[in-house]
Every structure is written in structure tokens, then in C-alpha cells.
Amino acid sequence: MNHFKTKYFYPGINFKCFKLISLISLLFSCETEIPLDIQEHSKILVVEGWIEQDKTAKILLTYSAGYFESIDSNSLRNYAATRAKVTLFNDDTSEILTLKPNEAYFPPLYYFSSRIKGKFNSKYSIKIEDAGKVYDATTTIPNLIKPDSVWFENYEGNDTLGLLWIEIADDINSENYYRTMVKRLGKDKSFVPTLTSVYNDRLFNGKTIRLSLSRGNNTILEIGESRFFETEDTLILKFCLMDKPHYDFWNSVQNSIITSSNPFSANKTEIKSNIENGLGIWGGYAAFYDTIITK
């Protein structure tokens, strides 16, 4: 962060400045120790889980960390919750999920279903039992709206950089909540949310709209890097619809990241969650995939 110091010189106020400096020095010479009662952090289960049509459920479980706890690459794996019992429910069917390694995510372990797969217009609930506590959440997979067209366009005549564009005919008969993610083959391990990845149809309900998609960041540490895609890349677009609680979570995360990247703004964004007794999200996706070779 840059610190700017500006000096102001006004004639005839030297003596006043001297008295003010003397008063400040006197005040700071009287130091009083203020004891701080910092309560011990009580870890909370954090959930990131999703299910989409024709695919099995995936759930990552971690524990929250205290603000003053030291975290490094060696200790990160200690925050993974690997002894939980996770049960998935759909209609009259239930399944206990299995823990499986996957290096595309962090932690590199996730719980997955093998029998229950997502269906449009269906409800899915999870029950997580861990360390004597129970966590519940419910989500739905809505109907799918496919983009009318998807294309890559160079940015203002640049031969090597550009943005993805999509055209959507929004359904006037329902409130729709969207999320967009992109995976660059050979560069990204998993799908990365676009720079602005979630939005609703409040301003374009029932209309056809064109939206530009900028490249997002894999982590918050990459904020400020190029927002463009490069030519000669193979991009896989993941275009999703979700229910409102699912949207509310990712919208609050998105707003928090935007606020945190501004050094002149205090981040007071509350991250919303649908996990009873815990943090995070359990959400359903109606997902559409498209492959674009940028040229």
C-alpha cells in the first residue's frame, strides 16, 4: 500500500503548532496498558458441496481457523475434516458418501455419491455428522436455460487477448440466478469463476441480453492479474442456473472479495450460508457446457 504524506505550510501558526505538538507528547507520555480478553477460537465446520444434473454430488469439508492462528502450506491439511459421516437424501432415497482423493481441489479430498445423481427440478438434502455435531442443508436443481450463443472476441483490436461473450434469452416466467465459470485446458485444474461470476435477472427479466465474461482468479492472491483470455487457448464454459440461497452465498463471497481488494474500504460483508450449525454452501446446479477455441 502506498502512503502519501502531504505537508501544508501556513504563515503565522508556528507557535500554535508547537503548543499542539507539546499537548500530544504529554498525552502519549501517559501510557496505560489495556488487557485484551481474546477468546479461544472454537472451530466450525465449513462446507463446499454441489450437485448438478446427471452427475454425482461432491462435498469438501474443512474446519475454520482462528484469526491469530499461524497457517502455512504444511498446516493447511490439518484443517481438512476427514472423519465425518455425510448422508445424501433425494426423495425416498439416501446414500452415505465416500471419501476420495482429488488433487483438483483443496483439500485434495472430497466426499462423493456413487448412486444418486442430480436431476432437474429436484430437491437434495445432506446430513453431516462430525465430532458429535450434526449439520443439515437442502438445495434444488432448477430447470436449465442454455445460452443462445457463445463466442470469443478480441479486446479493442488486440491480437492476443480477448473476452468471452454469451447471449441469453431469459425466461420471463421465473426468477433466474446465474453463475459462470471457465476452465482453460492445460492451465486450470478445475473450473474458475469468471471475474463477475454470479448475477440475477432483476434488470433483464424476460429479455435477451449479451454479457462479457472476464477471466477470473484461481485464488484471492491473483487479484489484479490480467482479466483477459489469450488466443490459441481452449476454453470450456460452465454456465449454471441455481436457486436463490445458492446465489446468495456466492454473491456475498463475490462482494467480499471485491471489497477486500479495495485498500480504502472496510470489509463488512456477511457471508451468507444455508448450512445449519455450520458455514459454507450446499448447492445445486443446472449446468450447460460449451467448448471454445480462441482465435
Protein backbone atom coordinates (compact mmCIF):
# COMPACT_ATOMS: atom_id res chain seq x y z
CA MET A 1 0.00 0.00 0.00
CA ASN A 2 1.30 3.47 -0.83
CA HIS A 3 1.32 6.04 1.96
CA PHE A 4 1.01 9.63 0.83
CA LYS A 5 2.36 12.39 3.05
CA THR A 6 1.36 15.96 2.30
CA LYS A 7 2.78 18.98 4.12
CA TYR A 8 0.77 22.14 4.46
CA PHE A 9 2.54 25.42 5.30
CA TYR A 10 0.53 28.36 6.62
CA PRO A 11 2.16 31.62 7.79
CA GLY A 12 1.72 32.74 11.39
CA ILE A 13 0.78 29.38 13.02
CA ASN A 14 4.22 28.09 14.16
CA PHE A 15 3.53 28.83 17.82
CA LYS A 16 0.12 27.13 17.66
CA CYS A 17 1.71 24.05 16.11
CA PHE A 18 4.30 23.99 18.89
CA LYS A 19 1.59 24.02 21.58
CA LEU A 20 -0.35 21.27 19.80
CA ILE A 21 2.73 19.05 19.50
CA SER A 22 3.53 19.60 23.20
CA LEU A 23 -0.02 18.58 24.18
CA ILE A 24 0.14 15.42 22.05
CA SER A 25 3.51 14.49 23.57
CA LEU A 26 2.09 14.92 27.08
CA LEU A 27 -0.88 12.69 26.29
CA PHE A 28 1.25 9.89 24.84
CA SER A 29 3.66 10.03 27.78
CA CYS A 30 0.85 8.68 29.99
CA GLU A 31 0.66 5.10 28.78
CA THR A 32 -1.95 2.71 30.15
CA GLU A 33 -1.91 -0.99 29.41
CA ILE A 34 -5.30 -2.27 28.30
CA PRO A 35 -5.75 -6.02 28.81
CA LEU A 36 -7.38 -7.77 25.86
CA ASP A 37 -9.54 -10.78 26.55
CA ILE A 38 -9.14 -12.74 23.29
CA GLN A 39 -11.41 -15.75 23.45
CA GLU A 40 -10.12 -19.09 22.27
CA HIS A 41 -11.27 -19.97 18.76
CA SER A 42 -13.91 -22.69 18.53
CA LYS A 43 -13.57 -24.41 15.16
CA ILE A 44 -16.63 -24.58 12.92
CA LEU A 45 -17.26 -26.98 10.07
CA VAL A 46 -17.08 -25.32 6.64
CA VAL A 47 -18.91 -26.97 3.74
CA GLU A 48 -18.48 -26.53 0.00
CA GLY A 49 -20.72 -29.00 -1.79
CA TRP A 50 -22.60 -29.17 -5.06
CA ILE A 51 -24.62 -31.47 -7.29
CA GLU A 52 -25.66 -30.98 -10.92
CA GLN A 53 -27.84 -32.85 -13.37
CA ASP A 54 -26.55 -36.27 -14.47
CA LYS A 55 -23.57 -36.03 -12.07
CA THR A 56 -22.87 -37.23 -8.55
CA ALA A 57 -22.56 -34.99 -5.51
CA LYS A 58 -19.19 -33.62 -4.35
CA ILE A 59 -18.60 -32.18 -0.89
CA LEU A 60 -15.41 -30.67 0.56
CA LEU A 61 -15.23 -30.31 4.34
CA THR A 62 -12.78 -28.17 6.31
CA TYR A 63 -12.60 -26.50 9.71
CA SER A 64 -12.44 -22.77 10.31
CA ALA A 65 -9.22 -21.24 11.65
CA GLY A 66 -8.77 -18.63 14.35
CA TYR A 67 -7.78 -15.13 13.27
CA PHE A 68 -4.43 -15.28 15.07
CA GLU A 69 -3.58 -18.87 14.14
CA SER A 70 -0.45 -19.41 12.09
CA ILE A 71 -1.28 -21.08 8.76
CA ASP A 72 1.23 -22.34 6.23
CA SER A 73 1.41 -24.96 3.48
CA ASN A 74 2.27 -27.68 6.00
CA SER A 75 -0.58 -26.97 8.42
CA LEU A 76 -3.33 -26.46 5.82
CA ARG A 77 -4.10 -30.17 5.54
CA ASN A 78 -4.82 -30.26 9.28
CA TYR A 79 -7.97 -28.25 8.61
CA ALA A 80 -9.50 -30.96 6.42
CA ALA A 81 -12.42 -32.85 8.00
CA THR A 82 -11.88 -36.49 7.03
CA ARG A 83 -13.85 -38.40 9.69
CA ALA A 84 -17.33 -37.09 9.02
CA LYS A 85 -20.35 -39.17 8.06
CA VAL A 86 -22.11 -37.50 5.13
CA THR A 87 -25.55 -38.70 4.00
CA LEU A 88 -27.30 -37.51 0.85
CA PHE A 89 -31.10 -37.61 0.52
CA ASN A 90 -33.29 -37.38 -2.60
CA ASP A 91 -36.99 -38.21 -2.41
CA ASP A 92 -37.14 -41.61 -0.66
CA THR A 93 -33.52 -42.49 -1.49
CA SER A 94 -30.46 -41.96 0.69
CA GLU A 95 -26.75 -42.71 0.30
CA ILE A 96 -23.72 -42.42 2.60
CA LEU A 97 -20.98 -40.59 0.71
CA THR A 98 -17.45 -41.94 0.25
CA LEU A 99 -14.21 -40.04 0.88
CA LYS A 100 -11.96 -39.91 -2.19
CA PRO A 101 -8.71 -38.09 -3.14
CA ASN A 102 -8.76 -35.46 -5.87
CA GLU A 103 -5.83 -33.10 -6.47
CA ALA A 104 -8.00 -30.65 -8.42
CA TYR A 105 -9.44 -29.26 -5.15
CA PHE A 106 -8.24 -28.19 -1.75
CA PRO A 107 -8.24 -30.04 0.47
CA PRO A 108 -7.35 -32.79 -2.06
CA LEU A 109 -10.11 -34.96 -0.60
CA TYR A 110 -13.84 -34.84 -1.12
CA TYR A 111 -16.94 -36.87 -0.28
CA PHE A 112 -18.89 -38.11 -3.30
CA SER A 113 -22.01 -40.08 -4.10
CA SER A 114 -21.95 -43.04 -6.49
CA ARG A 115 -25.65 -43.92 -6.87
CA ILE A 116 -27.56 -40.64 -6.51
CA LYS A 117 -27.18 -38.24 -9.43
CA GLY A 118 -28.71 -34.84 -9.99
CA LYS A 119 -31.97 -34.25 -11.88
CA PHE A 120 -33.70 -31.06 -12.99
CA ASN A 121 -36.38 -29.70 -10.67
CA SER A 122 -35.31 -31.98 -7.80
CA LYS A 123 -34.51 -31.38 -4.14
CA TYR A 124 -31.39 -32.72 -2.39
CA SER A 125 -30.57 -32.66 1.31
CA ILE A 126 -27.40 -33.53 3.19
CA LYS A 127 -26.80 -34.52 6.79
CA ILE A 128 -23.24 -34.25 8.10
CA GLU A 129 -22.28 -35.86 11.41
CA ASP A 130 -18.88 -34.86 12.73
CA ALA A 131 -17.37 -34.78 16.24
CA GLY A 132 -20.76 -35.20 17.90
CA LYS A 133 -22.42 -32.39 15.92
CA VAL A 134 -24.99 -32.52 13.12
CA TYR A 135 -25.15 -30.15 10.15
CA ASP A 136 -28.03 -30.01 7.65
CA ALA A 137 -28.71 -28.26 4.35
CA THR A 138 -31.10 -28.51 1.40
CA THR A 139 -30.84 -27.32 -2.19
CA THR A 140 -32.62 -27.69 -5.51
CA ILE A 141 -31.56 -28.06 -9.13
CA PRO A 142 -33.70 -25.71 -11.26
CA ASN A 143 -34.53 -26.01 -14.95
CA LEU A 144 -31.78 -25.23 -17.44
CA ILE A 145 -31.61 -22.19 -19.69
CA LYS A 146 -28.95 -22.54 -22.38
CA PRO A 147 -27.16 -19.52 -23.87
CA ASP A 148 -28.27 -18.77 -27.43
CA SER A 149 -24.65 -18.25 -28.45
CA VAL A 150 -21.11 -18.21 -27.01
CA TRP A 151 -18.10 -16.63 -28.71
CA PHE A 152 -14.62 -15.16 -28.19
CA GLU A 153 -13.88 -11.59 -29.22
CA ASN A 154 -10.54 -9.80 -29.24
CA TYR A 155 -10.42 -6.78 -26.97
CA GLU A 156 -10.27 -3.45 -28.82
CA GLY A 157 -8.25 -4.81 -31.71
CA ASN A 158 -5.73 -6.70 -29.55
CA ASP A 159 -4.46 -9.72 -31.48
CA THR A 160 -3.62 -11.89 -28.44
CA LEU A 161 -6.14 -11.02 -25.72
CA GLY A 162 -9.91 -11.00 -25.53
CA LEU A 163 -13.13 -11.81 -23.65
CA LEU A 164 -15.80 -14.47 -23.84
CA TRP A 165 -19.31 -13.32 -24.73
CA ILE A 166 -22.65 -15.02 -24.19
CA GLU A 167 -26.17 -14.18 -25.31
CA ILE A 168 -29.05 -15.31 -23.07
CA ALA A 169 -32.81 -15.28 -23.66
CA ASP A 170 -34.05 -15.03 -20.07
CA ASP A 171 -37.27 -16.80 -19.03
CA ILE A 172 -39.89 -14.22 -18.02
CA ASN A 173 -41.89 -16.78 -16.03
CA SER A 174 -39.31 -17.33 -13.28
CA GLU A 175 -36.66 -15.57 -11.22
CA ASN A 176 -33.33 -16.82 -12.51
CA TYR A 177 -29.94 -16.87 -10.84
CA TYR A 178 -26.83 -17.48 -12.94
CA ARG A 179 -23.18 -18.40 -12.39
CA THR A 180 -20.41 -18.63 -14.99
CA MET A 181 -17.09 -20.48 -14.74
CA VAL A 182 -14.34 -21.20 -17.26
CA LYS A 183 -11.60 -23.84 -17.41
CA ARG A 184 -8.56 -23.30 -19.63
CA LEU A 185 -7.37 -26.69 -20.80
CA GLY A 186 -3.77 -27.30 -19.83
CA LYS A 187 -3.75 -24.30 -17.45
CA ASP A 188 -6.53 -24.73 -14.87
CA LYS A 189 -7.08 -27.84 -12.76
CA SER A 190 -10.75 -27.05 -12.25
CA PHE A 191 -13.37 -24.51 -13.28
CA VAL A 192 -12.56 -20.93 -12.23
CA PRO A 193 -15.37 -18.40 -11.64
CA THR A 194 -15.27 -15.51 -14.09
CA LEU A 195 -14.40 -12.07 -12.72
CA THR A 196 -18.07 -11.35 -12.07
CA SER A 197 -19.49 -14.83 -11.85
CA VAL A 198 -22.96 -14.52 -10.31
CA TYR A 199 -25.90 -12.38 -11.34
CA ASN A 200 -29.70 -12.46 -11.36
CA ASP A 201 -32.24 -11.39 -13.97
CA ARG A 202 -33.70 -8.50 -11.98
CA LEU A 203 -32.63 -5.96 -14.62
CA PHE A 204 -33.31 -8.07 -17.71
CA ASN A 205 -36.17 -10.39 -16.79
CA GLY A 206 -37.67 -11.90 -19.95
CA LYS A 207 -35.23 -10.10 -22.24
CA THR A 208 -32.33 -11.21 -24.41
CA ILE A 209 -29.03 -9.86 -23.13
CA ARG A 210 -25.36 -10.07 -24.08
CA LEU A 211 -22.76 -10.39 -21.32
CA SER A 212 -18.96 -10.29 -21.49
CA LEU A 213 -17.04 -12.75 -19.32
CA SER A 214 -13.62 -11.77 -17.99
CA ARG A 215 -11.04 -14.27 -16.78
CA GLY A 216 -11.26 -14.86 -13.05
CA ASN A 217 -8.62 -15.67 -10.46
CA ASN A 218 -7.82 -19.11 -9.08
CA THR A 219 -7.19 -17.57 -5.65
CA ILE A 220 -7.59 -14.18 -3.99
CA LEU A 221 -3.79 -13.83 -4.22
CA GLU A 222 -4.09 -13.47 -8.00
CA ILE A 223 -6.36 -10.42 -7.83
CA GLY A 224 -5.02 -7.73 -10.14
CA GLU A 225 -3.70 -10.08 -12.82
CA SER A 226 -4.90 -9.97 -16.43
CA ARG A 227 -8.66 -10.22 -16.83
CA PHE A 228 -8.35 -11.38 -20.44
CA PHE A 229 -8.24 -14.77 -22.08
CA GLU A 230 -5.44 -15.47 -24.54
CA THR A 231 -5.79 -16.50 -28.16
CA GLU A 232 -4.98 -20.11 -29.04
CA ASP A 233 -6.48 -21.25 -25.70
CA THR A 234 -9.14 -23.95 -25.46
CA LEU A 235 -11.82 -22.75 -23.05
CA ILE A 236 -14.63 -24.77 -21.51
CA LEU A 237 -17.52 -22.61 -20.35
CA LYS A 238 -19.69 -23.85 -17.48
CA PHE A 239 -22.93 -21.87 -17.48
CA CYS A 240 -25.16 -22.59 -14.47
CA LEU A 241 -28.55 -21.81 -13.03
CA MET A 242 -29.12 -22.16 -9.28
CA ASP A 243 -31.67 -21.42 -6.58
CA LYS A 244 -31.69 -18.21 -4.53
CA PRO A 245 -29.90 -19.45 -1.35
CA HIS A 246 -27.12 -20.82 -3.57
CA TYR A 247 -26.93 -17.47 -5.40
CA ASP A 248 -26.97 -15.50 -2.13
CA PHE A 249 -23.91 -17.38 -0.88
CA TRP A 250 -21.75 -16.85 -3.97
CA ASN A 251 -22.94 -13.27 -4.38
CA SER A 252 -21.87 -12.45 -0.80
CA VAL A 253 -18.50 -14.15 -1.41
CA GLN A 254 -18.06 -12.16 -4.62
CA ASN A 255 -18.90 -8.89 -2.86
CA SER A 256 -16.49 -9.72 -0.04
CA ILE A 257 -13.63 -10.35 -2.48
CA ILE A 258 -14.31 -7.08 -4.30
CA THR A 259 -14.38 -5.16 -1.02
CA SER A 260 -11.24 -6.86 0.29
CA SER A 261 -9.30 -5.87 -2.82
CA ASN A 262 -10.01 -2.19 -2.10
CA PRO A 263 -7.48 -0.91 0.50
CA PHE A 264 -9.67 2.13 1.24
CA SER A 265 -12.79 0.16 2.12
CA ALA A 266 -13.63 -1.77 5.29
CA ASN A 267 -14.93 -5.25 4.56
CA LYS A 268 -18.19 -5.68 6.45
CA THR A 269 -19.76 -8.18 4.06
CA GLU A 270 -21.57 -11.03 5.79
CA ILE A 271 -21.04 -14.33 4.01
CA LYS A 272 -24.44 -15.97 3.77
CA SER A 273 -24.84 -19.72 4.24
CA ASN A 274 -27.51 -22.41 4.05
CA ILE A 275 -25.64 -24.81 6.36
CA GLU A 276 -27.50 -25.24 9.63
CA ASN A 277 -24.99 -25.01 12.54
CA GLY A 278 -22.07 -24.54 10.12
CA LEU A 279 -20.61 -22.34 7.40
CA GLY A 280 -20.44 -22.60 3.63
CA ILE A 281 -22.81 -23.83 0.97
CA TRP A 282 -24.59 -26.90 -0.34
CA GLY A 283 -25.92 -26.03 -3.78
CA GLY A 284 -27.47 -27.46 -6.92
CA TYR A 285 -26.54 -26.53 -10.49
CA ALA A 286 -28.36 -26.84 -13.77
CA ALA A 287 -25.24 -26.72 -15.91
CA PHE A 288 -24.52 -26.19 -19.61
CA TYR A 289 -21.03 -26.79 -21.07
CA ASP A 290 -19.53 -25.38 -24.24
CA THR A 291 -16.00 -25.54 -25.70
CA ILE A 292 -14.50 -22.51 -27.41
CA ILE A 293 -11.12 -22.37 -29.19
CA THR A 294 -10.00 -18.74 -29.09
CA LYS A 295 -8.66 -17.27 -32.32
